[in-house]
Amino acid sequence: MLIKNLGPIKSGRLNFNDLVVIWGHNNSGKTMLTYLLYAIREEFRKFKLNISEVTDNDYFSQVNNGNMVNISDAEVLKMFDNFQTYFENNSVRLMSNYFSIEKNILKTFILNLRKMKYLKYFQS
């Protein structure tokens, strides 16, 4: 994840692993970063991952007929891409709504959610 101009954070890259530790001096942007991560999580929970937007397969008919379906890794990644696009395009509005931050404070804020290894969370 690439972040630019988030409060005192001028530019930074955040890579997620099994454990992420955020540390820094007072007023270095830790709280703003955690606000951002919270907003991403909350918006993801509300976001509708719509399989029909990423495939021509008629999974709904198959499921309604009692059949099991297998959604490909590529289709899952496309759904996550849709979320990334939504969040990146709306991040200033979302951040200002979640945390009562004036939009002008975030006017130069840039967020780029890079493809993260989402599939590891879905594999058994």
N, C-alpha and C. Protein backbone atom coordinates (compact mmCIF):
# COMPACT_ATOMS: atom_id res chain seq x y z
N MET A 1 0.85 -1.15 0.00
CA MET A 1 0.00 0.00 0.00
C MET A 1 0.91 1.22 0.00
N LEU A 2 0.63 2.14 -0.89
CA LEU A 2 1.40 3.38 -1.00
C LEU A 2 0.54 4.52 -0.48
N ILE A 3 1.10 5.32 0.40
CA ILE A 3 0.40 6.45 1.02
C ILE A 3 1.22 7.70 0.78
N LYS A 4 0.54 8.78 0.38
CA LYS A 4 1.20 10.08 0.25
C LYS A 4 0.32 11.14 0.89
N ASN A 5 0.95 12.02 1.64
CA ASN A 5 0.31 13.19 2.22
C ASN A 5 -0.86 12.84 3.14
N LEU A 6 -0.62 11.92 4.04
CA LEU A 6 -1.61 11.57 5.06
C LEU A 6 -1.15 12.21 6.37
N GLY A 7 -1.67 13.38 6.66
CA GLY A 7 -1.22 14.12 7.84
C GLY A 7 0.28 14.36 7.74
N PRO A 8 1.03 14.00 8.77
CA PRO A 8 2.47 14.23 8.72
C PRO A 8 3.23 13.22 7.86
N ILE A 9 2.56 12.19 7.38
CA ILE A 9 3.22 11.20 6.51
C ILE A 9 3.28 11.76 5.10
N LYS A 10 4.47 12.10 4.67
CA LYS A 10 4.63 12.65 3.31
C LYS A 10 4.58 11.56 2.26
N SER A 11 5.20 10.43 2.55
CA SER A 11 5.19 9.30 1.62
C SER A 11 5.61 8.05 2.39
N GLY A 12 4.93 6.97 2.09
CA GLY A 12 5.30 5.73 2.75
C GLY A 12 4.67 4.53 2.07
N ARG A 13 5.27 3.40 2.29
CA ARG A 13 4.78 2.15 1.74
C ARG A 13 4.59 1.18 2.90
N LEU A 14 3.45 0.52 2.90
CA LEU A 14 3.14 -0.42 3.97
C LEU A 14 2.92 -1.79 3.35
N ASN A 15 3.72 -2.75 3.80
CA ASN A 15 3.58 -4.13 3.35
C ASN A 15 3.02 -4.93 4.51
N PHE A 16 2.04 -5.76 4.23
CA PHE A 16 1.41 -6.54 5.27
C PHE A 16 1.98 -7.94 5.30
N ASN A 17 2.25 -8.39 6.50
CA ASN A 17 2.68 -9.75 6.78
C ASN A 17 1.78 -10.27 7.89
N ASP A 18 2.16 -11.36 8.50
CA ASP A 18 1.36 -11.89 9.60
C ASP A 18 1.35 -10.94 10.80
N LEU A 19 2.40 -10.15 10.96
CA LEU A 19 2.48 -9.20 12.05
C LEU A 19 2.98 -7.87 11.49
N VAL A 20 2.25 -6.81 11.79
CA VAL A 20 2.64 -5.47 11.38
C VAL A 20 2.75 -4.62 12.63
N VAL A 21 3.89 -3.98 12.81
CA VAL A 21 4.12 -3.11 13.96
C VAL A 21 4.26 -1.68 13.43
N ILE A 22 3.51 -0.79 14.03
CA ILE A 22 3.57 0.63 13.66
C ILE A 22 4.16 1.38 14.83
N TRP A 23 5.28 2.07 14.61
CA TRP A 23 5.90 2.82 15.68
C TRP A 23 6.44 4.13 15.11
N GLY A 24 6.68 5.07 15.99
CA GLY A 24 7.23 6.35 15.57
C GLY A 24 7.11 7.38 16.68
N HIS A 25 7.70 8.52 16.44
CA HIS A 25 7.67 9.62 17.40
C HIS A 25 6.24 10.16 17.51
N ASN A 26 6.00 10.95 18.54
CA ASN A 26 4.72 11.64 18.67
C ASN A 26 4.47 12.50 17.42
N ASN A 27 3.23 12.56 17.01
CA ASN A 27 2.81 13.37 15.86
C ASN A 27 3.49 12.97 14.56
N SER A 28 3.81 11.67 14.42
CA SER A 28 4.46 11.22 13.18
C SER A 28 3.48 10.58 12.21
N GLY A 29 2.19 10.45 12.59
CA GLY A 29 1.19 9.93 11.68
C GLY A 29 0.66 8.55 12.02
N LYS A 30 1.05 8.01 13.15
CA LYS A 30 0.59 6.66 13.53
C LYS A 30 -0.93 6.59 13.65
N THR A 31 -1.51 7.59 14.29
CA THR A 31 -2.96 7.59 14.48
C THR A 31 -3.68 7.73 13.15
N MET A 32 -3.22 8.62 12.29
CA MET A 32 -3.84 8.77 10.97
C MET A 32 -3.75 7.47 10.19
N LEU A 33 -2.63 6.80 10.28
CA LEU A 33 -2.46 5.53 9.58
C LEU A 33 -3.44 4.49 10.13
N THR A 34 -3.59 4.43 11.44
CA THR A 34 -4.53 3.45 11.99
C THR A 34 -5.97 3.83 11.64
N TYR A 35 -6.28 5.12 11.54
CA TYR A 35 -7.61 5.54 11.06
C TYR A 35 -7.83 5.01 9.65
N LEU A 36 -6.82 5.15 8.82
CA LEU A 36 -6.93 4.68 7.44
C LEU A 36 -7.16 3.17 7.40
N LEU A 37 -6.39 2.42 8.17
CA LEU A 37 -6.56 0.97 8.19
C LEU A 37 -7.94 0.57 8.71
N TYR A 38 -8.43 1.29 9.71
CA TYR A 38 -9.76 1.03 10.23
C TYR A 38 -10.81 1.31 9.15
N ALA A 39 -10.68 2.42 8.45
CA ALA A 39 -11.64 2.76 7.40
C ALA A 39 -11.63 1.72 6.29
N ILE A 40 -10.45 1.24 5.91
CA ILE A 40 -10.37 0.20 4.88
C ILE A 40 -11.11 -1.05 5.35
N ARG A 41 -10.86 -1.45 6.59
CA ARG A 41 -11.53 -2.64 7.11
C ARG A 41 -13.04 -2.47 7.15
N GLU A 42 -13.51 -1.35 7.64
CA GLU A 42 -14.95 -1.13 7.76
C GLU A 42 -15.61 -1.05 6.39
N GLU A 43 -14.99 -0.36 5.46
CA GLU A 43 -15.56 -0.27 4.12
C GLU A 43 -15.54 -1.62 3.41
N PHE A 44 -14.51 -2.41 3.65
CA PHE A 44 -14.46 -3.74 3.05
C PHE A 44 -15.59 -4.61 3.59
N ARG A 45 -15.87 -4.49 4.88
CA ARG A 45 -16.96 -5.27 5.47
C ARG A 45 -18.30 -4.91 4.85
N LYS A 46 -18.48 -3.64 4.45
CA LYS A 46 -19.74 -3.19 3.87
C LYS A 46 -19.80 -3.38 2.35
N PHE A 47 -18.64 -3.52 1.74
CA PHE A 47 -18.57 -3.56 0.27
C PHE A 47 -19.20 -4.85 -0.25
N LYS A 48 -19.96 -4.73 -1.31
CA LYS A 48 -20.60 -5.89 -1.93
C LYS A 48 -19.66 -6.47 -2.98
N LEU A 49 -19.09 -7.63 -2.67
CA LEU A 49 -18.26 -8.33 -3.64
C LEU A 49 -19.20 -9.06 -4.59
N ASN A 50 -19.37 -8.49 -5.76
CA ASN A 50 -20.36 -8.99 -6.71
C ASN A 50 -19.68 -9.81 -7.79
N ILE A 51 -19.85 -11.11 -7.72
CA ILE A 51 -19.21 -12.02 -8.68
C ILE A 51 -19.71 -11.78 -10.10
N SER A 52 -20.95 -11.33 -10.25
CA SER A 52 -21.50 -11.13 -11.59
C SER A 52 -20.80 -9.99 -12.34
N GLU A 53 -20.09 -9.12 -11.62
CA GLU A 53 -19.37 -8.03 -12.27
C GLU A 53 -18.02 -8.47 -12.84
N VAL A 54 -17.56 -9.64 -12.46
CA VAL A 54 -16.22 -10.04 -12.87
C VAL A 54 -16.18 -11.31 -13.72
N THR A 55 -17.33 -11.89 -14.01
CA THR A 55 -17.33 -13.13 -14.79
C THR A 55 -18.59 -13.23 -15.64
N ASP A 56 -18.49 -14.00 -16.68
CA ASP A 56 -19.66 -14.29 -17.51
C ASP A 56 -20.34 -15.57 -17.07
N ASN A 57 -19.72 -16.31 -16.15
CA ASN A 57 -20.32 -17.55 -15.66
C ASN A 57 -21.60 -17.26 -14.89
N ASP A 58 -22.59 -18.09 -15.07
CA ASP A 58 -23.86 -17.91 -14.37
C ASP A 58 -23.86 -18.74 -13.09
N TYR A 59 -23.07 -18.26 -12.10
CA TYR A 59 -22.95 -18.98 -10.84
C TYR A 59 -24.27 -19.04 -10.08
N PHE A 60 -25.06 -17.98 -10.20
CA PHE A 60 -26.31 -17.92 -9.43
C PHE A 60 -27.26 -19.04 -9.84
N SER A 61 -27.40 -19.28 -11.13
CA SER A 61 -28.26 -20.38 -11.58
C SER A 61 -27.73 -21.72 -11.10
N GLN A 62 -26.41 -21.87 -11.16
CA GLN A 62 -25.82 -23.13 -10.73
C GLN A 62 -26.08 -23.38 -9.24
N VAL A 63 -25.91 -22.35 -8.42
CA VAL A 63 -26.14 -22.49 -6.99
C VAL A 63 -27.62 -22.73 -6.72
N ASN A 64 -28.49 -21.98 -7.41
CA ASN A 64 -29.93 -22.17 -7.21
C ASN A 64 -30.40 -23.56 -7.62
N ASN A 65 -29.66 -24.21 -8.51
CA ASN A 65 -29.99 -25.57 -8.92
C ASN A 65 -29.32 -26.61 -8.02
N GLY A 66 -28.68 -26.15 -6.95
CA GLY A 66 -28.08 -27.07 -6.00
C GLY A 66 -26.68 -27.51 -6.36
N ASN A 67 -26.07 -26.88 -7.34
CA ASN A 67 -24.72 -27.25 -7.74
C ASN A 67 -23.68 -26.45 -6.98
N MET A 68 -22.53 -27.05 -6.79
CA MET A 68 -21.41 -26.36 -6.18
C MET A 68 -20.63 -25.64 -7.28
N VAL A 69 -20.10 -24.48 -6.98
CA VAL A 69 -19.32 -23.73 -7.96
C VAL A 69 -17.93 -23.47 -7.42
N ASN A 70 -16.99 -23.35 -8.31
CA ASN A 70 -15.62 -22.99 -7.97
C ASN A 70 -15.32 -21.64 -8.60
N ILE A 71 -15.03 -20.67 -7.75
CA ILE A 71 -14.68 -19.34 -8.24
C ILE A 71 -13.17 -19.30 -8.37
N SER A 72 -12.69 -18.87 -9.52
CA SER A 72 -11.25 -18.89 -9.79
C SER A 72 -10.52 -17.81 -8.99
N ASP A 73 -9.22 -18.01 -8.83
CA ASP A 73 -8.38 -17.01 -8.18
C ASP A 73 -8.48 -15.68 -8.93
N ALA A 74 -8.51 -15.74 -10.25
CA ALA A 74 -8.57 -14.52 -11.06
C ALA A 74 -9.88 -13.75 -10.78
N GLU A 75 -10.98 -14.48 -10.61
CA GLU A 75 -12.27 -13.83 -10.33
C GLU A 75 -12.26 -13.19 -8.94
N VAL A 76 -11.66 -13.87 -7.97
CA VAL A 76 -11.55 -13.30 -6.63
C VAL A 76 -10.70 -12.03 -6.68
N LEU A 77 -9.59 -12.07 -7.40
CA LEU A 77 -8.73 -10.88 -7.51
C LEU A 77 -9.45 -9.73 -8.19
N LYS A 78 -10.27 -10.03 -9.19
CA LYS A 78 -11.04 -8.96 -9.84
C LYS A 78 -12.01 -8.30 -8.87
N MET A 79 -12.64 -9.10 -8.01
CA MET A 79 -13.54 -8.52 -7.01
C MET A 79 -12.77 -7.62 -6.05
N PHE A 80 -11.57 -8.05 -5.63
CA PHE A 80 -10.75 -7.21 -4.76
C PHE A 80 -10.28 -5.96 -5.49
N ASP A 81 -9.99 -6.09 -6.78
CA ASP A 81 -9.63 -4.91 -7.57
C ASP A 81 -10.77 -3.89 -7.56
N ASN A 82 -12.02 -4.38 -7.65
CA ASN A 82 -13.17 -3.48 -7.61
C ASN A 82 -13.21 -2.73 -6.28
N PHE A 83 -12.92 -3.43 -5.19
CA PHE A 83 -12.89 -2.76 -3.89
C PHE A 83 -11.76 -1.74 -3.84
N GLN A 84 -10.58 -2.13 -4.31
CA GLN A 84 -9.44 -1.21 -4.30
C GLN A 84 -9.78 0.07 -5.06
N THR A 85 -10.36 -0.08 -6.23
CA THR A 85 -10.72 1.08 -7.04
C THR A 85 -11.72 1.95 -6.30
N TYR A 86 -12.74 1.32 -5.73
CA TYR A 86 -13.75 2.07 -4.97
C TYR A 86 -13.09 2.84 -3.82
N PHE A 87 -12.25 2.18 -3.04
CA PHE A 87 -11.68 2.84 -1.87
C PHE A 87 -10.69 3.93 -2.28
N GLU A 88 -9.85 3.65 -3.26
CA GLU A 88 -8.89 4.67 -3.70
C GLU A 88 -9.62 5.91 -4.22
N ASN A 89 -10.69 5.71 -4.98
CA ASN A 89 -11.43 6.83 -5.56
C ASN A 89 -12.23 7.62 -4.53
N ASN A 90 -12.54 7.01 -3.41
CA ASN A 90 -13.39 7.65 -2.39
C ASN A 90 -12.69 7.86 -1.06
N SER A 91 -11.38 7.67 -1.01
CA SER A 91 -10.67 7.67 0.28
C SER A 91 -10.77 9.00 1.01
N VAL A 92 -10.71 10.12 0.33
CA VAL A 92 -10.79 11.41 1.02
C VAL A 92 -12.16 11.57 1.67
N ARG A 93 -13.21 11.28 0.93
CA ARG A 93 -14.56 11.38 1.48
C ARG A 93 -14.76 10.41 2.65
N LEU A 94 -14.30 9.19 2.46
CA LEU A 94 -14.46 8.18 3.52
C LEU A 94 -13.70 8.56 4.78
N MET A 95 -12.45 8.98 4.61
CA MET A 95 -11.65 9.36 5.79
C MET A 95 -12.28 10.56 6.50
N SER A 96 -12.76 11.54 5.75
CA SER A 96 -13.35 12.71 6.40
C SER A 96 -14.65 12.33 7.11
N ASN A 97 -15.40 11.40 6.56
CA ASN A 97 -16.64 10.96 7.21
C ASN A 97 -16.37 10.13 8.45
N TYR A 98 -15.43 9.20 8.37
CA TYR A 98 -15.16 8.32 9.51
C TYR A 98 -14.61 9.07 10.71
N PHE A 99 -13.79 10.05 10.46
CA PHE A 99 -13.04 10.63 11.56
C PHE A 99 -13.20 12.13 11.70
N SER A 100 -14.26 12.66 11.11
CA SER A 100 -14.55 14.10 11.23
C SER A 100 -13.34 14.96 10.89
N ILE A 101 -12.66 14.58 9.84
CA ILE A 101 -11.49 15.33 9.36
C ILE A 101 -11.98 16.21 8.21
N GLU A 102 -11.59 17.46 8.21
CA GLU A 102 -11.95 18.35 7.10
C GLU A 102 -11.33 17.82 5.80
N LYS A 103 -12.10 17.82 4.73
CA LYS A 103 -11.60 17.31 3.45
C LYS A 103 -10.38 18.09 2.97
N ASN A 104 -10.32 19.39 3.28
CA ASN A 104 -9.17 20.17 2.81
C ASN A 104 -7.86 19.71 3.44
N ILE A 105 -7.93 19.08 4.61
CA ILE A 105 -6.72 18.53 5.24
C ILE A 105 -6.18 17.38 4.39
N LEU A 106 -7.07 16.70 3.69
CA LEU A 106 -6.69 15.53 2.89
C LEU A 106 -6.63 15.82 1.39
N LYS A 107 -6.64 17.09 0.99
CA LYS A 107 -6.76 17.42 -0.43
C LYS A 107 -5.62 16.87 -1.29
N THR A 108 -4.46 16.66 -0.72
CA THR A 108 -3.35 16.10 -1.51
C THR A 108 -3.07 14.64 -1.17
N PHE A 109 -3.95 14.03 -0.38
CA PHE A 109 -3.80 12.64 0.03
C PHE A 109 -3.93 11.72 -1.17
N ILE A 110 -3.00 10.76 -1.28
CA ILE A 110 -3.02 9.76 -2.35
C ILE A 110 -2.87 8.39 -1.70
N LEU A 111 -3.71 7.47 -2.14
CA LEU A 111 -3.65 6.11 -1.65
C LEU A 111 -3.62 5.18 -2.84
N ASN A 112 -2.69 4.24 -2.82
CA ASN A 112 -2.61 3.22 -3.86
C ASN A 112 -2.55 1.87 -3.16
N LEU A 113 -3.67 1.17 -3.19
CA LEU A 113 -3.70 -0.18 -2.62
C LEU A 113 -3.15 -1.12 -3.67
N ARG A 114 -1.98 -1.61 -3.44
CA ARG A 114 -1.38 -2.54 -4.41
C ARG A 114 -1.96 -3.92 -4.20
N LYS A 115 -1.81 -4.75 -5.21
CA LYS A 115 -2.29 -6.12 -5.06
C LYS A 115 -1.56 -6.77 -3.90
N MET A 116 -2.33 -7.12 -2.91
CA MET A 116 -1.76 -7.80 -1.77
C MET A 116 -2.08 -9.28 -1.92
N LYS A 117 -1.48 -10.08 -1.14
CA LYS A 117 -1.67 -11.51 -1.28
C LYS A 117 -2.95 -11.94 -0.57
N TYR A 118 -4.09 -11.51 -1.16
CA TYR A 118 -5.38 -11.81 -0.56
C TYR A 118 -5.66 -13.30 -0.53
N LEU A 119 -5.25 -13.99 -1.56
CA LEU A 119 -5.66 -15.38 -1.70
C LEU A 119 -5.19 -16.25 -0.54
N LYS A 120 -4.13 -15.86 0.13
CA LYS A 120 -3.66 -16.68 1.25
C LYS A 120 -4.71 -16.77 2.35
N TYR A 121 -5.60 -15.77 2.42
CA TYR A 121 -6.63 -15.76 3.44
C TYR A 121 -7.80 -16.68 3.07
N PHE A 122 -7.86 -17.11 1.82
CA PHE A 122 -8.97 -17.94 1.36
C PHE A 122 -8.55 -19.39 1.14
N GLN A 123 -7.26 -19.64 1.18
CA GLN A 123 -6.79 -20.99 0.94
C GLN A 123 -6.75 -21.75 2.26
N SER A 124 -7.08 -23.03 2.19
CA SER A 124 -7.07 -23.83 3.42
C SER A 124 -5.70 -24.42 3.68
